[in-house]
C-alpha atoms as a PDB file:
ATOM      1  CA  LYS A   1       9.686  31.467  -4.200  1.00  0.00           C
ATOM      2  CA  PRO A   2      12.508  29.706  -2.296  1.00  0.00           C
ATOM      3  CA  PHE A   3      11.899  28.330   1.179  1.00  0.00           C
ATOM      4  CA  ALA A   4      13.273  30.493   4.004  1.00  0.00           C
ATOM      5  CA  ILE A   5      13.895  27.276   5.955  1.00  0.00           C
ATOM      6  CA  ASP A   6      14.400  24.294   3.665  1.00  0.00           C
ATOM      7  CA  ASP A   7      14.605  20.877   5.295  1.00  0.00           C
ATOM      8  CA  LEU A   8      12.867  19.247   2.314  1.00  0.00           C
ATOM      9  CA  LYS A   9      15.870  17.133   1.286  1.00  0.00           C
ATOM     10  CA  GLU A  10      16.023  15.557   4.738  1.00  0.00           C
ATOM     11  CA  LEU A  11      12.251  15.078   4.752  1.00  0.00           C
ATOM     12  CA  ALA A  12      12.368  13.327   1.362  1.00  0.00           C
ATOM     13  CA  GLY A  13      15.103  10.978   2.580  1.00  0.00           C
ATOM     14  CA  ARG A  14      13.184  10.178   5.741  1.00  0.00           C
ATOM     15  CA  ILE A  15      10.015   9.436   3.755  1.00  0.00           C
ATOM     16  CA  ARG A  16      11.929   7.063   1.448  1.00  0.00           C
ATOM     17  CA  ARG A  17      13.095   5.032   4.476  1.00  0.00           C
ATOM     18  CA  ALA A  18       9.845   5.212   6.469  1.00  0.00           C
ATOM     19  CA  ASP A  19       7.503   2.380   7.317  1.00  0.00           C
ATOM     20  CA  SER A  20       4.910   4.830   8.677  1.00  0.00           C
ATOM     21  CA  LEU A  21       4.006   8.397   7.733  1.00  0.00           C
ATOM     22  CA  LEU A  22       1.454  10.724   9.301  1.00  0.00           C
ATOM     23  CA  ILE A  23       0.317  13.999   7.783  1.00  0.00           C
ATOM     24  CA  VAL A  24      -1.437  16.282  10.257  1.00  0.00           C
ATOM     25  CA  GLY A  25      -3.846  17.935   7.841  1.00  0.00           C
ATOM     26  CA  ASP A  26      -4.801  21.573   7.625  1.00  0.00           C
ATOM     27  CA  ASN A  27      -6.791  23.177   4.801  1.00  0.00           C
ATOM     28  CA  CYS A  28      -9.361  21.486   2.586  1.00  0.00           C
ATOM     29  CA  GLY A  29      -7.737  22.775  -0.606  1.00  0.00           C
ATOM     30  CA  GLU A  30      -4.253  21.578   0.320  1.00  0.00           C
ATOM     31  CA  ALA A  31      -5.534  18.117   1.174  1.00  0.00           C
ATOM     32  CA  VAL A  32      -5.693  17.129  -2.496  1.00  0.00           C
ATOM     33  CA  LEU A  33      -1.921  17.736  -2.678  1.00  0.00           C
ATOM     34  CA  ASP A  34      -1.438  15.825   0.577  1.00  0.00           C
ATOM     35  CA  LYS A  35      -3.298  12.915  -1.030  1.00  0.00           C
ATOM     36  CA  LEU A  36      -0.959  13.062  -4.022  1.00  0.00           C
ATOM     37  CA  LEU A  37       2.090  13.067  -1.729  1.00  0.00           C
ATOM     38  CA  LEU A  38       0.775  10.065   0.207  1.00  0.00           C
ATOM     39  CA  ASP A  39       0.063   8.246  -3.044  1.00  0.00           C
ATOM     40  CA  ILE A  40       3.489   8.763  -4.620  1.00  0.00           C
ATOM     41  CA  ALA A  41       5.414   8.307  -1.344  1.00  0.00           C
ATOM     42  CA  GLY A  42       4.366   4.678  -1.198  1.00  0.00           C
ATOM     43  CA  VAL A  43       4.948   4.407   2.554  1.00  0.00           C
ATOM     44  CA  PRO A  44       3.418   1.097   3.746  1.00  0.00           C
ATOM     45  CA  ASN A  45       1.530   2.608   6.696  1.00  0.00           C
ATOM     46  CA  SER A  46       0.188   6.036   5.758  1.00  0.00           C
ATOM     47  CA  TYR A  47      -2.114   8.160   7.912  1.00  0.00           C
ATOM     48  CA  PHE A  48      -3.860  11.496   7.447  1.00  0.00           C
ATOM     49  CA  SER A  49      -5.468  13.425  10.274  1.00  0.00           C
ATOM     50  CA  VAL A  50      -8.486  15.688  10.123  1.00  0.00           C
ATOM     51  CA  ARG A  51     -10.074  18.106  12.567  1.00  0.00           C
ATOM     52  CA  THR A  52     -13.075  17.072  14.650  1.00  0.00           C
ATOM     53  CA  LYS A  53     -14.790  20.314  13.659  1.00  0.00           C
ATOM     54  CA  PRO A  54     -13.652  22.869  11.101  1.00  0.00           C
ATOM     55  CA  ALA A  55     -11.944  25.977  12.389  1.00  0.00           C
ATOM     56  CA  LEU A  56     -11.924  28.268   9.364  1.00  0.00           C
ATOM     57  CA  ASN A  57     -11.326  26.140   6.222  1.00  0.00           C
ATOM     58  CA  ASP A  58      -9.855  23.061   7.919  1.00  0.00           C
ATOM     59  CA  ILE A  59     -10.410  19.564   6.604  1.00  0.00           C
ATOM     60  CA  THR A  60     -12.765  17.249   8.458  1.00  0.00           C
ATOM     61  CA  MET A  61     -13.620  13.576   7.927  1.00  0.00           C
ATOM     62  CA  GLU A  62     -16.393  14.517   5.511  1.00  0.00           C
ATOM     63  CA  GLU A  63     -14.091  16.381   3.108  1.00  0.00           C
ATOM     64  CA  ALA A  64     -11.322  13.776   3.425  1.00  0.00           C
ATOM     65  CA  LEU A  65     -13.713  11.026   2.365  1.00  0.00           C
ATOM     66  CA  GLU A  66     -15.092  13.230  -0.411  1.00  0.00           C
ATOM     67  CA  ILE A  67     -11.650  13.538  -2.041  1.00  0.00           C
ATOM     68  CA  GLY A  68     -10.876   9.849  -1.530  1.00  0.00           C
ATOM     69  CA  MET A  69      -8.124  10.276   1.059  1.00  0.00           C
ATOM     70  CA  ASN A  70      -9.071   6.828   2.373  1.00  0.00           C
ATOM     71  CA  GLU A  71      -7.736   5.369  -0.910  1.00  0.00           C
ATOM     72  CA  VAL A  72      -4.157   6.280   0.077  1.00  0.00           C
ATOM     73  CA  ALA A  73      -4.189   6.536   3.881  1.00  0.00           C
ATOM     74  CA  THR A  74      -5.986   5.664   7.067  1.00  0.00           C
ATOM     75  CA  ILE A  75      -7.920   8.767   8.084  1.00  0.00           C
ATOM     76  CA  LEU A  76      -7.833   9.678  11.762  1.00  0.00           C
ATOM     77  CA  ASP A  77      -9.713  12.346  13.693  1.00  0.00           C
ATOM     78  CA  SER A  78      -7.068  14.208  15.706  1.00  0.00           C
ATOM     79  CA  GLY A  79      -9.546  15.498  18.257  1.00  0.00           C
ATOM     80  CA  ALA A  80      -8.745  19.115  17.359  1.00  0.00           C
ATOM     81  CA  ASP A  81     -11.584  21.585  17.017  1.00  0.00           C
ATOM     82  CA  ALA A  82      -9.272  24.598  17.067  1.00  0.00           C
ATOM     83  CA  PRO A  83      -6.960  25.901  14.302  1.00  0.00           C
ATOM     84  CA  GLY A  84      -4.185  23.526  15.397  1.00  0.00           C
ATOM     85  CA  ALA A  85      -3.564  20.089  16.852  1.00  0.00           C
ATOM     86  CA  GLN A  86      -2.298  19.914  20.429  1.00  0.00           C
ATOM     87  CA  GLU A  87      -0.948  16.861  22.230  1.00  0.00           C
ATOM     88  CA  LYS A  88      -3.162  17.446  25.278  1.00  0.00           C
ATOM     89  CA  THR A  89      -6.388  17.289  23.216  1.00  0.00           C
ATOM     90  CA  MET A  90      -5.488  14.423  20.861  1.00  0.00           C
ATOM     91  CA  LYS A  91      -7.802  11.422  20.726  1.00  0.00           C
ATOM     92  CA  SER A  92      -6.068   8.314  22.057  1.00  0.00           C
ATOM     93  CA  ASP A  93      -6.038   6.367  18.755  1.00  0.00           C
ATOM     94  CA  PHE A  94      -4.607   9.410  16.975  1.00  0.00           C
ATOM     95  CA  PHE A  95      -2.029  10.001  19.726  1.00  0.00           C
ATOM     96  CA  ASP A  96      -0.866   6.392  19.383  1.00  0.00           C
ATOM     97  CA  VAL A  97      -0.193   6.799  15.643  1.00  0.00           C
ATOM     98  CA  TYR A  98       1.287  10.281  16.159  1.00  0.00           C
ATOM     99  CA  SER A  99       3.671   8.979  18.848  1.00  0.00           C
ATOM    100  CA  ARG A 100       4.872   5.967  16.864  1.00  0.00           C
ATOM    101  CA  ALA A 101       5.024   7.236  13.269  1.00  0.00           C
ATOM    102  CA  ASP A 102       8.455   7.225  11.658  1.00  0.00           C
ATOM    103  CA  VAL A 103       7.727  10.584  10.024  1.00  0.00           C
ATOM    104  CA  VAL A 104       5.200  13.242  11.039  1.00  0.00           C
ATOM    105  CA  ILE A 105       4.459  16.123   8.693  1.00  0.00           C
ATOM    106  CA  SER A 106       2.469  18.949  10.252  1.00  0.00           C
ATOM    107  CA  LYS A 107       0.760  21.291   7.815  1.00  0.00           C
ATOM    108  CA  GLY A 108      -0.046  24.942   8.433  1.00  0.00           C
ATOM    109  CA  GLN A 109       0.668  27.677  10.921  1.00  0.00           C
ATOM    110  CA  GLY A 110      -2.073  26.623  13.358  1.00  0.00           C
ATOM    111  CA  ASN A 111      -0.534  23.176  13.758  1.00  0.00           C
ATOM    112  CA  LEU A 112       2.879  24.764  14.328  1.00  0.00           C
ATOM    113  CA  GLU A 113       1.376  26.870  17.097  1.00  0.00           C
ATOM    114  CA  GLY A 114      -0.179  23.804  18.717  1.00  0.00           C
ATOM    115  CA  LEU A 115       2.742  21.400  18.253  1.00  0.00           C
ATOM    116  CA  SER A 116       5.810  23.639  18.530  1.00  0.00           C
ATOM    117  CA  SER A 117       6.502  22.407  22.073  1.00  0.00           C
ATOM    118  CA  ALA A 118       5.918  18.726  21.226  1.00  0.00           C
ATOM    119  CA  ARG A 119       8.610  16.339  22.416  1.00  0.00           C
ATOM    120  CA  ARG A 120       8.817  14.342  19.182  1.00  0.00           C
ATOM    121  CA  GLU A 121      10.471  15.201  15.869  1.00  0.00           C
ATOM    122  CA  ILE A 122       8.072  16.882  13.434  1.00  0.00           C
ATOM    123  CA  PHE A 123       8.501  18.346   9.966  1.00  0.00           C
ATOM    124  CA  PHE A 124       6.449  21.559   9.750  1.00  0.00           C
ATOM    125  CA  LEU A 125       5.323  22.767   6.316  1.00  0.00           C
ATOM    126  CA  LEU A 126       3.748  26.219   6.323  1.00  0.00           C
ATOM    127  CA  MET A 127       3.771  29.836   5.327  1.00  0.00           C
ATOM    128  CA  ALA A 128       4.590  32.278   8.151  1.00  0.00           C
ATOM    129  CA  LYS A 129       1.445  34.409   7.982  1.00  0.00           C
ATOM    130  CA  CYS A 130       2.259  36.832  10.778  1.00  0.00           C
ATOM    131  CA  GLU A 131       5.182  38.607  12.417  1.00  0.00           C
ATOM    132  CA  VAL A 132       4.912  36.530  15.607  1.00  0.00           C
ATOM    133  CA  ILE A 133       5.385  33.188  13.811  1.00  0.00           C
ATOM    134  CA  GLY A 134       7.981  34.727  11.515  1.00  0.00           C
ATOM    135  CA  GLY A 135       9.875  35.901  14.591  1.00  0.00           C
ATOM    136  CA  PHE A 136       9.558  32.495  16.259  1.00  0.00           C
ATOM    137  CA  LEU A 137      11.056  30.835  13.170  1.00  0.00           C
ATOM    138  CA  GLY A 138      13.480  33.659  12.389  1.00  0.00           C
ATOM    139  CA  VAL A 139      12.000  34.347   8.939  1.00  0.00           C
ATOM    140  CA  PRO A 140      10.148  37.274   7.343  1.00  0.00           C
ATOM    141  CA  LYS A 141       6.345  37.281   7.333  1.00  0.00           C
ATOM    142  CA  GLY A 142       5.089  35.547   4.180  1.00  0.00           C
ATOM    143  CA  SER A 143       8.001  33.091   4.034  1.00  0.00           C
ATOM    144  CA  PHE A 144       7.550  29.464   3.051  1.00  0.00           C
ATOM    145  CA  VAL A 145       8.999  27.063   5.594  1.00  0.00           C
ATOM    146  CA  ALA A 146       9.916  23.372   5.644  1.00  0.00           C
ATOM    147  CA  TYR A 147      11.244  23.137   9.199  1.00  0.00           C
ATOM    148  CA  LYS A 148      12.390  20.040  11.043  1.00  0.00           C
ATOM    149  CA  LYS A 149      11.823  20.342  14.766  1.00  0.00           C
ATOM    150  CA  ALA A 150      14.121  17.922  16.547  1.00  0.00           C
ATOM    151  CA  GLU A 151      12.959  15.477  19.183  1.00  0.00           C
ATOM    152  CA  LEU A 152      13.326  16.822  22.724  1.00  0.00           C
ATOM    153  CA  ARG A 153      15.219  14.498  25.007  1.00  0.00           C
ATOM    154  CA  GLY A 154      15.187  14.194  28.760  1.00  0.00           C
END
């Protein structure tokens, strides 16, 4: 199924030039694909964030270590115990990496909800699971999205 918003080409170019990459993790099952991406991307400083506590099927430190995420990235606890990361609840060490990373990929609808008003550039990868998020992005419910949110200035 084609992406309703497709900023993947730009994302791929940015990853190729990056010195640091952060993936803000989401679901346990998807994390094995995130690990593969981090492995083949070959970015010198790679990071993967987990939730403090699972909200639904979210990945935590325990699952990340179980799949060997630490073999390809530094694992960070974002501080989130809700379905999405939010700047105001981020742990300080995570916020430092998040703020400075060359490329940030945010996975899932919950992270979009929490980070949509962030000031920094973020690439959001998700499926619009409801009409509200579909409307926010201007896509039909059920659409796949690779959306680059630009950095806010001022």
